[in-house]
Amino acid sequence: MLAALLHAPRPVEEEPLLLDQITAPAPRGREIRIRVRACAVCHTDLHTVEGEIPLPKLPIVPGHQIVGVVDACGPEARRFREGDRVGVAWLHHACGECLYCRSGNENLCDTAQFTGLQADGGYAEFTLVDEDFAYFLPQGFSDFQAAPLLCAGVIGYRAFKMAGLRGGERLGLYGFGASAHLVIQIARHRQCEVYVFTRSAEHQDHARALGAAWVGRAEDTPAQRLQAAIIFAPAGKLALEALRVLDRGGKVILAGITMTPIPEIDYSALLYHERGLQSVANATRRDAEELLALAPEVPLRADVQVFPFSQVNFALRQLKHSRIRGCGIIAIDLPETGAEVKGS
């Protein structure tokens, strides 16, 4: 099978992913093998490829927003049949026995494994996953529309839940990429006002088109204070900017897997009056199932740019430099075209 292999982390400008033919894996036990159709690109992939996240396995096939069709089942697999369309997300395995798993927080599992980090991911023609960590996908969503739901959607949904907002309250979004452009749709569906902070003029226009009540840069001050903010951009200084415009009792949710250092916080000016900071660490299977059930109700629609498999390094460069509007998708079976393709 054809796979994009990372042998050593390097900047994406140096083409770190090498397309190579390797043996297709055979499913064992409760595993299913998936013929991959599409895999969305994510900043976590970028951090992995460039070595900002410690890599426990090399070479590794990145990619963790996977949509495909069950191609083969292990001898103990029962949930899916060959031909079923399924999705795979970031959480690849949890033990089910530790304190965190038993309390419903399997995302914090002591021995959790993650797709594209400890286990080969979706930048390949085939991938394996335990059937308990695969998802049925909602009807009415193309492969390209479904793929971003599996991380951008799920992480954004978990962050929104953690914010604890009610209808009519105000939410700030810092950064407006793949996850934020889905969260704004969820928040507006829940009758929240959304305030978007982003430096990109194109992303500002995108936010307005999706119904943002206010759009500006991180250093700008909206007329009204916010009840919650979610920070997607990996810049620690944004935590201070978000706290600055937060109302009493509000929360700032940090949704990235990595972030630059947060500067010193003036407790009296920024944290007092029960303001809080909280991080998002991955997501549970329940989060994914809830988001996939909610998606048709909203209905969620991702803006996508589709790249042929041969351009996986180019897609990550576009992501790194904020040149993707919405979500970037690698179409594993898309023929070489020489340029990115607009998709739906």
Protein backbone atom coordinates (compact mmCIF):
# COMPACT_ATOMS: atom_id res chain seq x y z
CA MET A 1 0.00 0.00 0.00
CA LEU A 2 1.04 3.61 -0.46
CA ALA A 3 1.73 5.51 2.77
CA ALA A 4 3.21 8.87 3.80
CA LEU A 5 5.98 7.98 6.26
CA LEU A 6 7.73 10.26 8.72
CA HIS A 7 11.23 8.87 9.37
CA ALA A 8 12.49 11.91 11.28
CA PRO A 9 10.81 15.19 12.24
CA ARG A 10 11.72 18.18 10.10
CA PRO A 11 10.12 21.48 9.06
CA VAL A 12 7.38 20.93 6.48
CA GLU A 13 9.32 23.14 4.08
CA GLU A 14 11.82 20.24 3.85
CA GLU A 15 9.20 17.70 2.66
CA PRO A 16 9.48 15.41 5.72
CA LEU A 17 6.76 12.96 4.63
CA LEU A 18 7.92 10.40 2.09
CA LEU A 19 5.43 8.47 -0.03
CA ASP A 20 6.46 4.84 -0.12
CA GLN A 21 5.04 1.38 -0.75
CA ILE A 22 4.75 -0.72 2.42
CA THR A 23 2.89 -3.91 3.30
CA ALA A 24 -0.80 -3.42 4.08
CA PRO A 25 -1.50 -4.42 7.71
CA ALA A 26 -3.67 -7.44 8.52
CA PRO A 27 -6.36 -7.05 11.22
CA ARG A 28 -6.05 -9.18 14.35
CA GLY A 29 -8.46 -9.80 17.21
CA ARG A 30 -11.05 -7.01 17.34
CA GLU A 31 -9.29 -4.85 14.76
CA ILE A 32 -10.80 -3.69 11.51
CA ARG A 33 -8.85 -2.64 8.43
CA ILE A 34 -10.06 0.49 6.71
CA ARG A 35 -9.47 1.45 3.10
CA VAL A 36 -8.89 5.16 3.58
CA ARG A 37 -10.74 7.59 1.35
CA ALA A 38 -10.01 10.91 3.07
CA CYS A 39 -8.00 12.24 6.00
CA ALA A 40 -8.22 15.82 7.21
CA VAL A 41 -5.03 17.67 8.14
CA CYS A 42 -4.67 19.06 11.65
CA HIS A 43 -2.25 21.27 13.55
CA THR A 44 -1.47 18.21 15.68
CA ASP A 45 -0.15 16.53 12.52
CA LEU A 46 1.97 19.61 11.91
CA HIS A 47 3.34 19.54 15.48
CA THR A 48 4.06 15.81 15.06
CA VAL A 49 5.82 16.14 11.72
CA GLU A 50 7.93 19.07 12.89
CA GLY A 51 8.89 17.40 16.19
CA GLU A 52 7.08 19.72 18.59
CA ILE A 53 5.43 16.64 20.13
CA PRO A 54 7.68 13.79 21.37
CA LEU A 55 7.50 10.88 18.93
CA PRO A 56 7.34 7.42 20.57
CA LYS A 57 7.38 5.59 17.23
CA LEU A 58 9.38 6.12 14.05
CA PRO A 59 8.73 5.75 11.26
CA ILE A 60 5.10 6.76 11.75
CA VAL A 61 2.18 7.42 9.42
CA PRO A 62 0.46 10.63 10.65
CA GLY A 63 -3.19 11.57 10.23
CA HIS A 64 -6.09 11.13 12.65
CA GLN A 65 -9.28 12.44 11.01
CA ILE A 66 -9.88 9.37 8.91
CA VAL A 67 -12.84 8.39 6.76
CA GLY A 68 -12.94 5.16 4.84
CA VAL A 69 -14.62 1.82 4.26
CA VAL A 70 -14.12 -1.37 6.26
CA ASP A 71 -12.02 -3.64 4.07
CA ALA A 72 -11.39 -6.58 6.41
CA CYS A 73 -12.27 -7.62 9.96
CA GLY A 74 -10.24 -9.47 12.56
CA PRO A 75 -11.57 -12.82 13.79
CA GLU A 76 -13.11 -11.30 16.95
CA ALA A 77 -14.54 -8.12 15.37
CA ARG A 78 -18.35 -7.92 15.38
CA ARG A 79 -19.49 -4.25 15.25
CA PHE A 80 -18.85 -3.59 11.57
CA ARG A 81 -19.11 -5.41 8.29
CA GLU A 82 -16.98 -5.12 5.19
CA GLY A 83 -18.25 -2.16 3.18
CA ASP A 84 -19.38 -0.08 6.19
CA ARG A 85 -18.26 3.56 6.07
CA VAL A 86 -16.49 4.50 9.30
CA GLY A 87 -14.39 7.20 10.91
CA VAL A 88 -11.31 7.11 13.13
CA ALA A 89 -10.31 9.94 15.48
CA TRP A 90 -7.27 10.91 17.59
CA LEU A 91 -7.98 8.55 20.52
CA HIS A 92 -6.83 5.16 19.24
CA HIS A 93 -6.92 3.14 22.46
CA ALA A 94 -7.63 3.52 26.18
CA CYS A 95 -7.20 0.83 28.83
CA GLY A 96 -10.73 1.00 30.26
CA GLU A 97 -9.41 0.13 33.73
CA CYS A 98 -7.51 3.10 35.19
CA LEU A 99 -9.06 5.75 37.44
CA TYR A 100 -9.55 8.12 34.51
CA CYS A 101 -11.22 5.56 32.26
CA ARG A 102 -13.52 4.40 35.06
CA SER A 103 -14.58 7.98 35.77
CA GLY A 104 -15.51 8.72 32.14
CA ASN A 105 -12.28 10.58 31.35
CA GLU A 106 -10.64 8.05 29.04
CA ASN A 107 -8.99 10.96 27.23
CA LEU A 108 -6.69 11.19 30.29
CA CYS A 109 -5.94 7.44 30.39
CA ASP A 110 -2.52 6.52 31.78
CA THR A 111 -1.76 4.32 28.78
CA ALA A 112 -3.79 6.01 26.03
CA GLN A 113 -2.55 5.64 22.48
CA PHE A 114 -3.24 8.13 19.73
CA THR A 115 -3.75 7.75 16.00
CA GLY A 116 -0.77 8.97 14.03
CA LEU A 117 1.44 9.08 17.13
CA GLN A 118 1.72 5.61 18.72
CA ALA A 119 -0.31 3.93 15.95
CA ASP A 120 -0.08 4.49 12.20
CA GLY A 121 -2.74 6.89 10.99
CA GLY A 122 -4.64 7.90 7.90
CA TYR A 123 -2.05 9.26 5.49
CA ALA A 124 -2.10 5.82 3.87
CA GLU A 125 -4.28 3.64 1.70
CA PHE A 126 -5.13 1.38 4.66
CA THR A 127 -5.16 1.71 8.43
CA LEU A 128 -6.06 -0.48 11.42
CA VAL A 129 -8.09 0.32 14.52
CA ASP A 130 -9.83 -1.63 17.27
CA GLU A 131 -13.51 -1.70 16.35
CA ASP A 132 -14.43 -0.01 19.64
CA PHE A 133 -12.51 3.09 18.54
CA ALA A 134 -14.19 3.47 15.14
CA TYR A 135 -17.38 5.41 14.48
CA PHE A 136 -20.39 5.10 12.27
CA LEU A 137 -20.71 8.35 10.30
CA PRO A 138 -23.90 10.38 9.76
CA GLN A 139 -25.66 10.12 6.44
CA GLY A 140 -25.69 13.20 4.27
CA PHE A 141 -22.02 14.00 4.92
CA SER A 142 -19.56 13.32 2.13
CA ASP A 143 -16.18 11.83 3.01
CA PHE A 144 -14.66 15.30 2.76
CA GLN A 145 -17.35 16.79 5.02
CA ALA A 146 -17.16 13.98 7.57
CA ALA A 147 -13.39 13.91 8.05
CA PRO A 148 -13.05 17.29 9.86
CA LEU A 149 -15.74 16.31 12.35
CA LEU A 150 -13.41 13.67 13.82
CA CYS A 151 -10.95 16.09 15.44
CA ALA A 152 -11.64 19.72 14.52
CA GLY A 153 -15.29 19.09 15.29
CA VAL A 154 -14.86 16.84 18.32
CA ILE A 155 -12.21 18.96 20.07
CA GLY A 156 -14.21 22.12 19.38
CA TYR A 157 -17.35 20.46 20.70
CA ARG A 158 -15.61 19.34 23.90
CA ALA A 159 -14.20 22.84 24.40
CA PHE A 160 -17.65 24.34 23.89
CA LYS A 161 -19.15 21.94 26.44
CA MET A 162 -16.44 22.85 28.94
CA ALA A 163 -17.27 26.54 28.48
CA GLY A 164 -20.72 25.81 29.92
CA LEU A 165 -22.58 28.52 28.02
CA ARG A 166 -26.34 29.02 27.89
CA GLY A 167 -28.39 30.56 25.10
CA GLY A 168 -27.88 34.32 24.81
CA GLU A 169 -24.40 34.30 26.35
CA ARG A 170 -21.29 35.52 24.56
CA LEU A 171 -18.42 33.31 23.37
CA GLY A 172 -15.05 34.48 22.11
CA LEU A 173 -13.03 32.44 19.62
CA TYR A 174 -9.30 33.16 19.27
CA GLY A 175 -8.04 31.88 15.95
CA PHE A 176 -10.43 30.93 13.17
CA GLY A 177 -9.31 27.78 11.46
CA ALA A 178 -10.78 24.31 11.10
CA SER A 179 -12.11 23.86 14.63
CA ALA A 180 -13.32 27.41 15.23
CA HIS A 181 -15.31 27.55 12.01
CA LEU A 182 -17.25 24.48 13.19
CA VAL A 183 -17.64 25.72 16.78
CA ILE A 184 -19.23 28.96 15.63
CA GLN A 185 -21.94 26.89 13.93
CA ILE A 186 -22.55 24.86 17.11
CA ALA A 187 -22.58 27.97 19.30
CA ARG A 188 -25.04 29.81 17.09
CA HIS A 189 -27.22 26.69 16.95
CA ARG A 190 -27.27 26.91 20.77
CA GLN A 191 -28.30 30.60 20.53
CA CYS A 192 -24.97 32.04 21.69
CA GLU A 193 -23.40 35.24 20.34
CA VAL A 194 -19.94 34.63 18.91
CA TYR A 195 -17.05 37.11 18.93
CA VAL A 196 -14.09 36.17 16.74
CA PHE A 197 -10.52 37.38 17.28
CA THR A 198 -8.17 36.73 14.37
CA ARG A 199 -5.50 38.75 12.58
CA SER A 200 -6.18 37.31 9.11
CA ALA A 201 -8.45 39.47 6.96
CA GLU A 202 -9.60 36.37 5.07
CA HIS A 203 -10.45 34.57 8.31
CA GLN A 204 -12.27 37.67 9.56
CA ASP A 205 -14.40 37.63 6.41
CA HIS A 206 -15.02 33.92 6.92
CA ALA A 207 -16.21 34.55 10.49
CA ARG A 208 -18.60 37.27 9.35
CA ALA A 209 -19.99 34.97 6.67
CA LEU A 210 -20.71 32.37 9.37
CA GLY A 211 -22.62 34.85 11.52
CA ALA A 212 -20.13 36.24 14.03
CA ALA A 213 -21.66 39.07 16.07
CA TRP A 214 -18.31 40.87 16.22
CA VAL A 215 -14.93 40.37 14.52
CA GLY A 216 -11.58 41.93 15.39
CA ARG A 217 -7.97 41.29 16.35
CA ALA A 218 -6.83 39.81 19.66
CA GLU A 219 -5.81 43.20 21.04
CA ASP A 220 -9.18 44.77 20.22
CA THR A 221 -11.88 45.22 22.86
CA PRO A 222 -15.52 44.38 22.06
CA ALA A 223 -18.26 46.56 23.50
CA GLN A 224 -19.49 43.79 25.82
CA ARG A 225 -17.66 41.34 28.06
CA LEU A 226 -17.67 37.63 27.23
CA GLN A 227 -18.93 34.78 29.37
CA ALA A 228 -16.38 32.36 27.86
CA ALA A 229 -13.56 32.20 25.34
CA ILE A 230 -11.90 29.32 23.50
CA ILE A 231 -8.32 29.72 22.33
CA PHE A 232 -7.37 27.64 19.30
CA ALA A 233 -4.21 29.51 18.28
CA PRO A 234 -1.07 28.14 20.02
CA ALA A 235 0.02 31.53 21.40
CA GLY A 236 0.15 31.69 25.20
CA LYS A 237 -0.17 35.48 25.26
CA LEU A 238 -3.74 35.10 23.99
CA ALA A 239 -4.75 33.75 27.40
CA LEU A 240 -4.14 37.22 28.84
CA GLU A 241 -6.03 38.91 26.03
CA ALA A 242 -9.00 36.59 26.57
CA LEU A 243 -9.01 37.10 30.35
CA ARG A 244 -8.93 40.85 29.75
CA VAL A 245 -12.34 40.81 28.01
CA LEU A 246 -13.89 38.06 30.14
CA ASP A 247 -16.83 38.74 32.43
CA ARG A 248 -16.88 37.77 36.11
CA GLY A 249 -17.17 34.01 36.55
CA GLY A 250 -16.15 33.37 32.95
CA LYS A 251 -13.86 30.66 31.59
CA VAL A 252 -11.03 30.64 29.10
CA ILE A 253 -10.67 27.22 27.46
CA LEU A 254 -7.29 26.36 25.93
CA ALA A 255 -8.01 23.96 23.07
CA GLY A 256 -4.55 23.35 21.61
CA ILE A 257 -2.29 20.35 22.16
CA THR A 258 0.68 22.68 22.52
CA MET A 259 1.09 26.37 23.30
CA THR A 260 3.86 28.90 23.79
CA PRO A 261 4.42 29.97 27.43
CA ILE A 262 1.65 32.00 29.04
CA PRO A 263 3.07 35.28 30.39
CA GLU A 264 2.75 36.27 34.04
CA ILE A 265 -0.90 36.84 34.98
CA ASP A 266 -1.99 39.76 37.14
CA TYR A 267 -4.24 37.89 39.57
CA SER A 268 -6.26 40.89 40.77
CA ALA A 269 -6.86 42.35 37.32
CA LEU A 270 -7.39 39.19 35.27
CA LEU A 271 -8.21 36.13 37.39
CA TYR A 272 -10.05 37.44 40.42
CA HIS A 273 -13.89 37.31 40.46
CA GLU A 274 -13.80 33.57 39.75
CA ARG A 275 -12.45 33.74 36.24
CA GLY A 276 -10.76 30.51 35.20
CA LEU A 277 -8.35 28.88 32.76
CA GLN A 278 -8.84 25.26 31.69
CA SER A 279 -7.15 23.11 29.06
CA VAL A 280 -8.68 20.55 26.73
CA ALA A 281 -6.74 17.28 26.59
CA ASN A 282 -7.93 15.19 23.68
CA ALA A 283 -11.54 13.96 23.68
CA THR A 284 -13.54 10.90 24.66
CA ARG A 285 -15.48 8.52 22.46
CA ARG A 286 -18.63 9.91 24.01
CA ASP A 287 -17.65 13.40 22.80
CA ALA A 288 -17.23 12.03 19.28
CA GLU A 289 -20.54 10.17 19.33
CA GLU A 290 -22.39 13.25 20.62
CA LEU A 291 -20.82 15.49 17.99
CA LEU A 292 -21.57 13.05 15.16
CA ALA A 293 -25.21 12.89 16.32
CA LEU A 294 -25.42 16.69 16.58
CA ALA A 295 -23.84 17.39 13.18
CA PRO A 296 -26.99 16.73 11.07
CA GLU A 297 -29.13 18.72 13.51
CA VAL A 298 -27.10 21.95 13.26
CA PRO A 299 -26.37 21.10 10.37
CA LEU A 300 -22.59 21.41 10.42
CA ARG A 301 -20.93 22.22 7.13
CA ALA A 302 -17.16 22.40 6.81
CA ASP A 303 -15.47 24.62 4.27
CA VAL A 304 -12.84 22.35 2.78
CA GLN A 305 -9.85 22.44 0.46
CA VAL A 306 -8.99 19.04 -0.97
CA PHE A 307 -5.45 17.99 -1.88
CA PRO A 308 -4.34 14.84 -3.73
CA PHE A 309 -2.30 12.39 -1.67
CA SER A 310 0.88 13.33 -3.52
CA GLN A 311 0.60 16.87 -2.10
CA VAL A 312 0.45 15.94 1.59
CA ASN A 313 3.57 18.01 2.42
CA PHE A 314 2.16 20.96 0.49
CA ALA A 315 -1.12 20.70 2.41
CA LEU A 316 0.74 20.85 5.73
CA ARG A 317 2.70 23.89 4.54
CA GLN A 318 -0.55 25.61 3.61
CA LEU A 319 -1.89 24.80 7.08
CA LYS A 320 1.25 26.09 8.79
CA HIS A 321 1.00 29.44 7.04
CA SER A 322 -2.78 29.86 7.58
CA ARG A 323 -3.54 29.54 3.87
CA ILE A 324 -6.42 27.10 4.27
CA ARG A 325 -9.94 28.45 4.65
CA GLY A 326 -11.70 25.99 6.93
CA CYS A 327 -10.29 22.46 6.68
CA GLY A 328 -7.66 20.84 4.52
CA ILE A 329 -8.41 17.30 3.33
CA ILE A 330 -6.07 14.69 1.87
CA ALA A 331 -7.99 12.65 -0.71
CA ILE A 332 -6.14 9.36 -0.66
CA ASP A 333 -7.58 8.14 -3.96
CA LEU A 334 -7.64 11.49 -5.81
CA PRO A 335 -5.49 11.47 -8.98
CA GLU A 336 -2.57 13.86 -9.30
CA THR A 337 -3.80 17.25 -10.56
CA GLY A 338 -0.84 19.52 -9.87
CA ALA A 339 -2.86 21.88 -7.69
CA GLU A 340 -5.20 21.91 -4.77
CA VAL A 341 -8.84 21.14 -5.48
CA LYS A 342 -11.83 22.87 -3.94
CA GLY A 343 -14.06 20.21 -2.44
CA SER A 344 -17.35 19.75 -0.65
